[in-house]
Amino acid sequence: MNIKKDLSKILAATTILFPFSGCATARMVYHGVNYKLGNYVDYVDEGRVLKSDDERAYEQELLSRAKLESVINGDDHVYVLHVQGTPYERGRQQGILLREQVRENVSFVNNLRGVYEAVLDKKISELKDEIKETTDSELISNLNKKLESKNKELYYLENGYNLLEPFIPEHFKEEMRGLADGAEVSLDAVQFYQAVGDIAESGCSNYVLGKDSTANKEMLQVRILDFPLAMKVQKNSVVTIAKPDIGNSFVNVGWAGFIGTVTGLNEKKITLVEMRGNNAVDAYYKANEGERKETLQGIPMPFLLRDVLQFDNNLEEVTRRIENAKRTNAYVYVIGDGKTDKSRAFITDHELFQVYGADTFKDVLSLVEPDTSFRQIDDVIFGGHNNSLINDKISENYSRITEEMLKEDFNKALAMKDNLQIAIWNLTNMTLQVANADGTSGEEARACNQNYVFIDLNKEFNWFEH
């Protein structure tokens, strides 16, 4: 888990000139070319659904209960997708309406997986050769440790979904099946796409601002998602408004074909974000004696969070769900409740579960950054790769923070090099502003430098009443 990889180097490996030698190199070239071209032919499965007259009538009825539109701000846009019904129906609605986008994203992720598997195969072969060619016992020991680490990474890439599968609720399996049927794409490829969130965790910054901290007395929550731009899924960013047959309606900010949640809100004004928890968890264990525990034998993090949106109505219910879940890796969850103007943070790994409010969260921050003096702010929780900077920004502007200030100052300062997506939730007014990285690379490609698309969530939820 938390596989560390430099995607630019991986992609550079695919430019090896012909003739090439060895299966691993051939696979790198093959998957790398498909990745760069966005070629999804390997994952298309047009025989998944036989299009009889009855089947076509069924799809028409499904689509009468769904809607797709594009919301634009200058050169930037997001797809806004409305789906409703059973898990299978919602998956199939997305698959049909976003068929090309789902195929493209599934291709990006799975071809990139193929590239990296080939890179690991090649590295493992080289390490084995090095071990055979030396008699230095210390060097052999170090090489064996590297070999063990690379074998572990390869194992998780090849078996990640299968390890997670026994812990995945049936309704997600049905939704994935509907998505694959609707997009006419390989179910296996769809399944791996969902597992990426636990196999390769992201680094992020998140903060919740209570009403007293903002100029307009509004509760705001910000999600800065820092994840490799080379994933390319930002091209097909989707805000899904879902009305399940059971549970709450909810908003999922993500990408075509990814049904889990890493950024979302439900109709009860519960909003949530996550970030990799290595630093916070390691700091906690350092102070309290212990060691981080991670596994892929648990419910995938994005599915756990989407269940929060669909089934939980308040912070107490959210707390019980996360505490009782069979968790996987080290994550920090930041949850806001727009009805009570309260927020909580959860520091977790497979076994660890610690809950903090705005009045105690600075205790964790002080463990992570002991040299920083964190201000006690009663209605604010924040965390990320640079806690001292977030602390300074909020403290210096307390009671006069606006959404425009967040966009033009806070988020640009906090976003990392690979800033894939930013979401700003206004829990008081039920609005969303979302920005996505563009398709290029470099500083200007980051989401924080793009236009934000505005969405009125009251209006979007009300669509289902038409």
Protein backbone atom coordinates (compact mmCIF):
# COMPACT_ATOMS: atom_id res chain seq x y z
CA MET A 1 0.00 0.00 0.00
CA ASN A 2 1.03 3.62 -0.38
CA ILE A 3 3.14 2.62 -3.38
CA LYS A 4 5.61 5.41 -4.03
CA LYS A 5 6.26 6.03 -7.69
CA ASP A 6 7.51 8.80 -9.93
CA LEU A 7 5.00 8.55 -12.76
CA SER A 8 7.02 10.81 -15.02
CA LYS A 9 9.94 8.39 -14.83
CA ILE A 10 7.65 5.44 -15.42
CA LEU A 11 6.23 7.03 -18.54
CA ALA A 12 9.69 8.01 -19.72
CA ALA A 13 10.60 4.32 -19.57
CA THR A 14 8.04 3.64 -22.30
CA THR A 15 9.96 5.70 -24.83
CA ILE A 16 12.70 3.06 -25.08
CA LEU A 17 13.59 2.71 -28.73
CA PHE A 18 13.07 -0.48 -30.69
CA PRO A 19 14.42 -3.09 -30.95
CA PHE A 20 13.74 -3.93 -27.31
CA SER A 21 14.67 -7.06 -25.40
CA GLY A 22 12.81 -8.89 -22.66
CA CYS A 23 9.12 -9.27 -21.83
CA ALA A 24 9.15 -6.51 -19.22
CA THR A 25 10.46 -3.93 -21.68
CA ALA A 26 7.95 -5.03 -24.30
CA ARG A 27 5.13 -4.61 -21.80
CA MET A 28 6.37 -1.15 -20.83
CA VAL A 29 6.30 -0.04 -24.46
CA TYR A 30 2.93 -1.67 -25.14
CA HIS A 31 1.10 -0.25 -22.13
CA GLY A 32 2.95 3.07 -22.33
CA VAL A 33 1.87 3.68 -25.92
CA ASN A 34 -1.74 2.78 -25.07
CA TYR A 35 -1.59 5.07 -22.05
CA LYS A 36 -0.30 8.04 -24.01
CA LEU A 37 -2.86 7.53 -26.76
CA GLY A 38 -5.76 6.96 -24.37
CA ASN A 39 -6.34 3.67 -26.18
CA TYR A 40 -9.00 1.66 -24.39
CA VAL A 41 -9.41 -1.18 -26.89
CA ASP A 42 -8.03 -3.74 -24.42
CA TYR A 43 -10.80 -2.99 -21.93
CA VAL A 44 -13.81 -2.71 -24.23
CA ASP A 45 -16.21 -5.63 -23.91
CA GLU A 46 -19.07 -4.90 -26.28
CA GLY A 47 -20.54 -8.35 -25.75
CA ARG A 48 -21.37 -7.67 -22.12
CA VAL A 49 -24.99 -6.78 -22.84
CA LEU A 50 -27.04 -8.26 -25.67
CA LYS A 51 -29.04 -5.36 -27.15
CA SER A 52 -32.44 -6.96 -27.68
CA ASP A 53 -35.53 -4.80 -28.08
CA ASP A 54 -36.33 -5.39 -24.41
CA GLU A 55 -32.80 -4.40 -23.41
CA ARG A 56 -32.96 -1.19 -25.42
CA ALA A 57 -36.34 -0.34 -23.88
CA TYR A 58 -34.86 -0.97 -20.42
CA GLU A 59 -31.98 1.41 -21.12
CA GLN A 60 -34.36 4.09 -22.37
CA GLU A 61 -36.35 3.84 -19.16
CA LEU A 62 -33.14 4.07 -17.11
CA LEU A 63 -32.02 7.18 -18.98
CA SER A 64 -35.39 8.87 -18.43
CA ARG A 65 -34.41 8.98 -14.73
CA ALA A 66 -30.89 10.34 -15.28
CA LYS A 67 -29.29 13.48 -16.69
CA LEU A 68 -25.86 14.59 -17.89
CA GLU A 69 -24.74 18.16 -18.50
CA SER A 70 -21.48 20.08 -18.66
CA VAL A 71 -20.98 23.12 -16.44
CA ILE A 72 -18.44 25.55 -17.89
CA ASN A 73 -16.31 28.43 -16.62
CA GLY A 74 -14.07 29.76 -19.37
CA ASP A 75 -11.89 26.94 -20.65
CA ASP A 76 -12.72 24.73 -17.67
CA HIS A 77 -15.67 22.44 -17.15
CA VAL A 78 -16.98 19.50 -15.15
CA TYR A 79 -19.63 16.97 -16.05
CA VAL A 80 -22.61 17.04 -13.69
CA LEU A 81 -24.34 13.67 -13.65
CA HIS A 82 -27.69 12.85 -12.03
CA VAL A 83 -28.37 9.17 -11.32
CA GLN A 84 -31.03 7.42 -9.28
CA GLY A 85 -32.39 4.00 -8.44
CA THR A 86 -30.79 0.74 -7.37
CA PRO A 87 -27.00 0.34 -7.28
CA TYR A 88 -27.00 -1.51 -10.59
CA GLU A 89 -29.24 1.11 -12.21
CA ARG A 90 -27.09 4.01 -11.04
CA GLY A 91 -23.94 2.30 -12.29
CA ARG A 92 -25.49 1.55 -15.65
CA GLN A 93 -26.82 5.09 -16.02
CA GLN A 94 -23.30 6.46 -15.57
CA GLY A 95 -21.83 3.85 -17.89
CA ILE A 96 -24.23 4.73 -20.71
CA LEU A 97 -24.17 8.52 -20.37
CA LEU A 98 -20.39 8.73 -19.86
CA ARG A 99 -19.40 5.70 -21.96
CA GLU A 100 -16.40 7.24 -23.71
CA GLN A 101 -15.19 9.03 -20.58
CA VAL A 102 -15.45 5.87 -18.45
CA ARG A 103 -13.59 3.84 -21.07
CA GLU A 104 -10.90 6.49 -21.29
CA ASN A 105 -10.34 6.70 -17.53
CA VAL A 106 -10.37 2.92 -17.13
CA SER A 107 -7.76 2.78 -19.89
CA PHE A 108 -5.56 5.46 -18.31
CA VAL A 109 -5.44 3.72 -14.94
CA ASN A 110 -5.10 0.15 -16.17
CA ASN A 111 -2.46 0.88 -18.81
CA LEU A 112 -0.50 2.83 -16.23
CA ARG A 113 -0.80 -0.20 -13.97
CA GLY A 114 0.64 -2.33 -16.80
CA VAL A 115 3.57 0.05 -17.22
CA TYR A 116 4.38 -0.01 -13.53
CA GLU A 117 4.06 -3.79 -13.25
CA ALA A 118 6.56 -4.09 -16.11
CA VAL A 119 8.90 -1.61 -14.39
CA LEU A 120 8.73 -3.69 -11.21
CA ASP A 121 9.30 -6.95 -13.11
CA LYS A 122 12.40 -5.44 -14.68
CA LYS A 123 13.72 -4.11 -11.36
CA ILE A 124 13.11 -7.45 -9.61
CA SER A 125 15.02 -9.27 -12.36
CA GLU A 126 17.93 -6.83 -12.03
CA LEU A 127 18.05 -7.25 -8.24
CA LYS A 128 18.11 -11.03 -8.58
CA ASP A 129 21.02 -10.76 -11.02
CA GLU A 130 22.90 -8.47 -8.64
CA ILE A 131 22.44 -10.94 -5.78
CA LYS A 132 23.80 -13.79 -7.90
CA GLU A 133 26.85 -11.79 -8.93
CA THR A 134 28.10 -10.79 -5.46
CA THR A 135 29.54 -12.60 -2.46
CA ASP A 136 29.42 -9.56 -0.13
CA SER A 137 27.06 -10.66 2.67
CA GLU A 138 26.13 -7.09 3.70
CA LEU A 139 25.37 -6.13 0.11
CA ILE A 140 23.33 -9.31 -0.35
CA SER A 141 21.31 -8.46 2.76
CA ASN A 142 20.56 -4.94 1.48
CA LEU A 143 19.65 -6.23 -1.97
CA ASN A 144 17.32 -8.82 -0.48
CA LYS A 145 15.51 -6.10 1.46
CA LYS A 146 15.02 -4.11 -1.76
CA LEU A 147 13.87 -7.27 -3.53
CA GLU A 148 11.34 -7.99 -0.79
CA SER A 149 9.98 -4.43 -1.06
CA LYS A 150 9.63 -4.59 -4.86
CA ASN A 151 7.98 -8.02 -4.70
CA LYS A 152 5.51 -6.62 -2.17
CA GLU A 153 4.66 -3.67 -4.42
CA LEU A 154 4.13 -5.99 -7.37
CA TYR A 155 1.96 -8.30 -5.29
CA TYR A 156 -0.33 -5.45 -4.23
CA LEU A 157 -0.62 -4.18 -7.79
CA GLU A 158 -1.53 -7.60 -9.13
CA ASN A 159 -3.78 -8.67 -6.25
CA GLY A 160 -5.06 -5.44 -4.70
CA TYR A 161 -8.70 -5.78 -5.67
CA ASN A 162 -8.82 -9.50 -4.81
CA LEU A 163 -7.54 -8.72 -1.29
CA LEU A 164 -10.17 -6.00 -0.83
CA GLU A 165 -13.04 -7.87 -2.48
CA PRO A 166 -14.27 -9.97 0.49
CA PHE A 167 -14.85 -6.76 2.46
CA ILE A 168 -16.71 -4.85 -0.27
CA PRO A 169 -20.48 -4.51 0.35
CA GLU A 170 -22.64 -6.18 -2.27
CA HIS A 171 -24.24 -2.92 -3.39
CA PHE A 172 -20.87 -1.63 -4.65
CA LYS A 173 -20.30 -4.85 -6.60
CA GLU A 174 -23.70 -4.38 -8.22
CA GLU A 175 -22.93 -0.77 -9.08
CA MET A 176 -19.59 -1.77 -10.64
CA ARG A 177 -21.36 -4.42 -12.68
CA GLY A 178 -23.91 -1.86 -13.88
CA LEU A 179 -21.11 0.57 -14.76
CA ALA A 180 -19.25 -2.09 -16.76
CA ASP A 181 -22.46 -3.14 -18.56
CA GLY A 182 -23.40 0.45 -19.38
CA ALA A 183 -19.94 1.46 -20.64
CA GLU A 184 -19.40 -1.97 -22.24
CA VAL A 185 -16.02 -2.25 -20.58
CA SER A 186 -14.18 -5.02 -18.75
CA LEU A 187 -15.45 -5.56 -15.21
CA ASP A 188 -11.95 -6.52 -14.04
CA ALA A 189 -10.59 -3.20 -15.30
CA VAL A 190 -13.40 -1.30 -13.54
CA GLN A 191 -12.65 -3.16 -10.30
CA PHE A 192 -8.95 -2.29 -10.36
CA TYR A 193 -9.82 1.37 -10.96
CA GLN A 194 -11.78 1.38 -7.68
CA ALA A 195 -8.86 -0.20 -5.77
CA VAL A 196 -6.36 2.52 -6.70
CA GLY A 197 -7.33 4.70 -3.71
CA ASP A 198 -6.00 2.08 -1.29
CA ILE A 199 -3.06 0.83 -3.36
CA ALA A 200 -1.64 4.30 -4.04
CA GLU A 201 -2.70 6.82 -1.40
CA SER A 202 -2.71 10.57 -1.95
CA GLY A 203 -1.21 13.48 -0.09
CA CYS A 204 -3.63 16.35 0.52
CA SER A 205 -4.60 19.38 2.56
CA ASN A 206 -8.04 19.83 4.09
CA TYR A 207 -9.67 22.34 6.40
CA VAL A 208 -13.07 23.08 7.90
CA LEU A 209 -13.91 26.66 8.80
CA GLY A 210 -16.73 27.32 11.25
CA LYS A 211 -19.02 30.31 10.86
CA ASP A 212 -17.08 32.53 13.26
CA SER A 213 -13.94 32.24 11.14
CA THR A 214 -15.52 33.51 7.92
CA ALA A 215 -16.50 37.01 6.86
CA ASN A 216 -20.06 36.04 5.89
CA LYS A 217 -20.69 33.73 8.85
CA GLU A 218 -20.78 30.68 6.57
CA MET A 219 -19.38 27.22 7.29
CA LEU A 220 -16.83 26.29 4.62
CA GLN A 221 -14.87 23.12 3.97
CA VAL A 222 -11.95 22.89 1.56
CA ARG A 223 -10.45 19.80 -0.02
CA ILE A 224 -7.07 20.11 -1.82
CA LEU A 225 -6.37 16.76 -3.49
CA ASP A 226 -2.72 16.30 -4.41
CA PHE A 227 -2.32 13.22 -6.61
CA PRO A 228 -0.14 12.61 -9.70
CA LEU A 229 -1.41 14.57 -12.69
CA ALA A 230 -0.07 11.76 -14.88
CA MET A 231 -3.15 9.74 -13.90
CA LYS A 232 -4.95 11.93 -16.50
CA VAL A 233 -8.41 11.22 -15.03
CA GLN A 234 -8.88 14.96 -14.43
CA LYS A 235 -9.78 15.23 -18.11
CA ASN A 236 -13.08 13.54 -17.23
CA SER A 237 -14.00 15.15 -13.91
CA VAL A 238 -17.54 14.38 -12.78
CA VAL A 239 -19.75 15.72 -10.00
CA THR A 240 -22.34 13.00 -9.43
CA ILE A 241 -25.65 13.83 -7.77
CA ALA A 242 -27.10 10.49 -6.67
CA LYS A 243 -30.50 9.55 -5.30
CA PRO A 244 -30.23 5.92 -4.15
CA ASP A 245 -33.27 3.71 -3.65
CA ILE A 246 -32.15 3.42 -0.01
CA GLY A 247 -30.49 6.13 2.08
CA ASN A 248 -29.51 9.77 1.57
CA SER A 249 -29.05 11.60 -1.67
CA PHE A 250 -25.43 12.67 -1.98
CA VAL A 251 -22.84 14.52 -4.07
CA ASN A 252 -19.67 12.72 -5.14
CA VAL A 253 -16.83 14.82 -6.57
CA GLY A 254 -14.60 12.59 -8.66
CA TRP A 255 -14.02 11.23 -12.12
CA ALA A 256 -15.88 9.19 -14.73
CA GLY A 257 -16.04 5.53 -13.73
CA PHE A 258 -14.84 6.00 -10.14
CA ILE A 259 -17.81 5.21 -7.92
CA GLY A 260 -16.10 5.56 -4.54
CA THR A 261 -15.84 8.85 -2.65
CA VAL A 262 -12.80 10.83 -1.55
CA THR A 263 -14.65 14.18 -1.57
CA GLY A 264 -18.38 14.38 -0.95
CA LEU A 265 -21.47 15.75 0.78
CA ASN A 266 -24.95 14.42 1.49
CA GLU A 267 -28.38 16.02 1.78
CA LYS A 268 -28.05 16.09 5.59
CA LYS A 269 -25.10 18.51 5.17
CA ILE A 270 -22.47 15.97 6.16
CA THR A 271 -19.34 16.61 4.14
CA LEU A 272 -16.14 14.61 4.15
CA VAL A 273 -12.59 14.45 2.84
CA GLU A 274 -9.61 12.22 3.47
CA MET A 275 -5.84 12.36 3.29
CA ARG A 276 -2.98 9.96 3.73
CA GLY A 277 -2.40 9.57 7.44
CA ASN A 278 1.19 8.34 7.63
CA ASN A 279 2.60 11.43 9.35
CA ALA A 280 -0.22 11.80 11.87
CA VAL A 281 -0.40 8.09 12.67
CA ASP A 282 3.37 7.71 12.97
CA ALA A 283 3.55 10.78 15.24
CA TYR A 284 0.77 9.36 17.41
CA TYR A 285 2.52 6.01 17.78
CA LYS A 286 5.84 7.69 18.50
CA ALA A 287 4.23 9.47 21.44
CA ASN A 288 2.15 6.49 22.57
CA GLU A 289 4.36 3.52 21.68
CA GLY A 290 3.24 1.51 18.71
CA GLU A 291 3.70 1.00 15.00
CA ARG A 292 1.53 1.84 12.01
CA LYS A 293 -0.59 -1.12 10.84
CA GLU A 294 -1.81 -1.27 7.25
CA THR A 295 -3.48 -3.91 5.13
CA LEU A 296 -5.57 -4.37 2.01
CA GLN A 297 -7.85 -6.77 3.84
CA GLY A 298 -10.62 -4.35 4.68
CA ILE A 299 -13.26 -2.19 3.06
CA PRO A 300 -11.70 0.16 0.48
CA MET A 301 -11.43 3.66 1.88
CA PRO A 302 -13.50 5.28 -0.94
CA PHE A 303 -16.32 2.79 -0.35
CA LEU A 304 -16.29 3.38 3.41
CA LEU A 305 -16.64 7.12 2.83
CA ARG A 306 -19.39 6.73 0.28
CA ASP A 307 -21.34 4.61 2.75
CA VAL A 308 -21.00 7.50 5.20
CA LEU A 309 -22.69 9.81 2.70
CA GLN A 310 -25.45 7.38 1.81
CA PHE A 311 -26.35 6.05 5.24
CA ASP A 312 -25.21 8.48 7.97
CA ASN A 313 -27.15 11.54 9.16
CA ASN A 314 -24.95 13.13 11.84
CA LEU A 315 -21.47 13.09 13.32
CA GLU A 316 -22.35 10.40 15.87
CA GLU A 317 -23.40 7.97 13.15
CA VAL A 318 -20.29 8.79 11.10
CA THR A 319 -18.10 8.14 14.14
CA ARG A 320 -19.66 4.74 14.79
CA ARG A 321 -19.33 3.68 11.16
CA ILE A 322 -15.64 4.55 10.84
CA GLU A 323 -14.82 3.09 14.26
CA ASN A 324 -16.55 -0.22 13.52
CA ALA A 325 -15.29 -0.59 9.95
CA LYS A 326 -12.70 -3.15 8.96
CA ARG A 327 -10.25 -0.44 7.91
CA THR A 328 -7.26 -0.69 5.59
CA ASN A 329 -4.46 1.88 5.67
CA ALA A 330 -3.45 5.00 7.58
CA TYR A 331 -5.87 7.83 6.83
CA VAL A 332 -7.01 11.10 8.37
CA TYR A 333 -10.70 11.83 7.78
CA VAL A 334 -12.10 15.33 8.23
CA ILE A 335 -15.89 15.46 8.55
CA GLY A 336 -18.07 18.58 8.75
CA ASP A 337 -21.71 18.89 9.81
CA GLY A 338 -23.37 21.94 8.30
CA LYS A 339 -26.46 21.59 10.51
CA THR A 340 -24.56 21.89 13.79
CA ASP A 341 -21.54 23.91 12.59
CA LYS A 342 -19.34 21.20 14.13
CA SER A 343 -16.52 19.11 12.71
CA ARG A 344 -14.44 16.10 13.67
CA ALA A 345 -11.18 14.53 12.58
CA PHE A 346 -10.39 10.84 12.73
CA ILE A 347 -6.82 9.51 12.89
CA THR A 348 -6.92 5.89 11.79
CA ASP A 349 -5.07 2.87 10.48
CA HIS A 350 -6.09 -0.79 10.44
CA GLU A 351 -6.33 -0.81 14.25
CA LEU A 352 -5.91 2.78 15.46
CA PHE A 353 -9.02 4.93 15.85
CA GLN A 354 -8.77 8.35 17.49
CA VAL A 355 -11.42 11.10 17.36
CA TYR A 356 -10.67 14.80 17.70
CA GLY A 357 -12.80 17.92 17.75
CA ALA A 358 -11.78 21.45 16.86
CA ASP A 359 -10.81 21.97 20.50
CA THR A 360 -8.35 19.04 20.62
CA PHE A 361 -7.05 18.58 17.08
CA LYS A 362 -4.10 20.86 17.70
CA ASP A 363 -2.74 18.10 19.99
CA VAL A 364 -2.20 15.91 16.92
CA LEU A 365 -0.72 18.76 14.91
CA SER A 366 1.75 19.44 17.71
CA LEU A 367 2.91 15.83 17.55
CA VAL A 368 3.41 16.04 13.78
CA GLU A 369 5.11 19.46 13.86
CA PRO A 370 6.45 19.90 17.41
CA ASP A 371 8.32 23.09 16.53
CA THR A 372 5.15 24.93 15.50
CA SER A 373 2.96 26.81 17.95
CA PHE A 374 -0.58 26.03 16.84
CA ARG A 375 -3.32 28.48 17.74
CA GLN A 376 -6.38 27.05 19.48
CA ILE A 377 -9.31 27.83 17.15
CA ASP A 378 -12.62 26.57 18.50
CA ASP A 379 -14.44 26.10 15.19
CA VAL A 380 -11.62 25.05 12.84
CA ILE A 381 -9.95 21.74 11.96
CA PHE A 382 -7.17 21.54 9.42
CA GLY A 383 -4.40 19.24 8.28
CA GLY A 384 -2.05 18.62 5.38
CA HIS A 385 1.54 18.52 4.23
CA ASN A 386 2.24 22.01 5.66
CA ASN A 387 0.23 22.47 8.86
CA SER A 388 2.21 25.51 9.99
CA LEU A 389 1.28 27.36 6.79
CA ILE A 390 -2.43 26.51 7.16
CA ASN A 391 -2.24 27.59 10.80
CA ASP A 392 -0.74 30.96 9.85
CA LYS A 393 -3.21 31.58 7.02
CA ILE A 394 -6.25 30.90 9.19
CA SER A 395 -4.93 32.72 12.26
CA GLU A 396 -3.97 35.85 10.34
CA ASN A 397 -7.32 36.06 8.54
CA TYR A 398 -9.68 34.71 11.19
CA SER A 399 -13.24 36.14 11.02
CA ARG A 400 -12.70 37.65 7.57
CA ILE A 401 -12.06 34.60 5.38
CA THR A 402 -14.03 34.46 2.11
CA GLU A 403 -14.30 31.89 -0.65
CA GLU A 404 -12.47 34.28 -2.98
CA MET A 405 -9.62 34.51 -0.48
CA LEU A 406 -9.44 30.73 -0.36
CA LYS A 407 -9.21 30.49 -4.15
CA GLU A 408 -6.72 33.29 -4.72
CA ASP A 409 -4.50 32.92 -1.66
CA PHE A 410 -4.91 29.88 0.63
CA ASN A 411 -5.28 27.15 -1.97
CA LYS A 412 -2.50 28.37 -4.24
CA ALA A 413 -0.12 28.51 -1.31
CA LEU A 414 -1.06 25.08 0.02
CA ALA A 415 -1.36 23.05 -3.19
CA MET A 416 1.52 20.73 -3.99
CA LYS A 417 3.21 20.16 -7.35
CA ASP A 418 0.72 17.46 -8.34
CA ASN A 419 -2.52 19.23 -7.41
CA LEU A 420 -5.24 17.22 -9.13
CA GLN A 421 -8.45 18.73 -7.76
CA ILE A 422 -9.84 21.30 -5.31
CA ALA A 423 -13.35 21.48 -3.89
CA ILE A 424 -14.81 24.29 -1.77
CA TRP A 425 -18.05 23.40 0.02
CA ASN A 426 -20.29 26.12 1.43
CA LEU A 427 -22.34 24.14 3.95
CA THR A 428 -24.47 27.11 4.92
CA ASN A 429 -25.65 27.88 1.39
CA MET A 430 -25.20 24.34 -0.02
CA THR A 431 -22.96 25.31 -2.91
CA LEU A 432 -19.82 23.77 -4.40
CA GLN A 433 -16.90 25.24 -6.31
CA VAL A 434 -14.57 22.72 -7.96
CA ALA A 435 -11.37 23.11 -9.98
CA ASN A 436 -9.39 20.45 -11.81
CA ALA A 437 -5.85 20.32 -13.15
CA ASP A 438 -5.62 20.72 -16.89
CA GLY A 439 -4.11 18.19 -19.28
CA THR A 440 -0.60 19.65 -19.35
CA SER A 441 2.22 19.47 -16.82
CA GLY A 442 4.09 21.96 -14.67
CA GLU A 443 3.15 24.64 -12.16
CA GLU A 444 0.38 26.21 -14.23
CA ALA A 445 -1.36 22.84 -14.77
CA ARG A 446 -2.31 22.55 -11.11
CA ALA A 447 -5.97 22.70 -10.14
CA CYS A 448 -5.36 25.78 -7.99
CA ASN A 449 -4.45 27.73 -11.15
CA GLN A 450 -7.61 26.81 -13.09
CA ASN A 451 -11.09 28.33 -13.09
CA TYR A 452 -13.52 27.09 -10.45
CA VAL A 453 -16.87 25.78 -11.64
CA PHE A 454 -19.81 26.82 -9.44
CA ILE A 455 -22.66 24.41 -8.65
CA ASP A 456 -25.83 25.19 -6.67
CA LEU A 457 -26.47 21.94 -4.79
CA ASN A 458 -29.99 22.91 -3.73
CA LYS A 459 -30.92 23.15 -7.38
CA GLU A 460 -29.18 19.87 -8.22
CA PHE A 461 -30.91 17.92 -5.43
CA ASN A 462 -34.26 19.40 -6.48
CA TRP A 463 -33.89 18.03 -10.01
CA PHE A 464 -35.08 14.64 -8.81
CA GLU A 465 -38.48 16.18 -7.99
CA HIS A 466 -39.17 17.14 -11.62
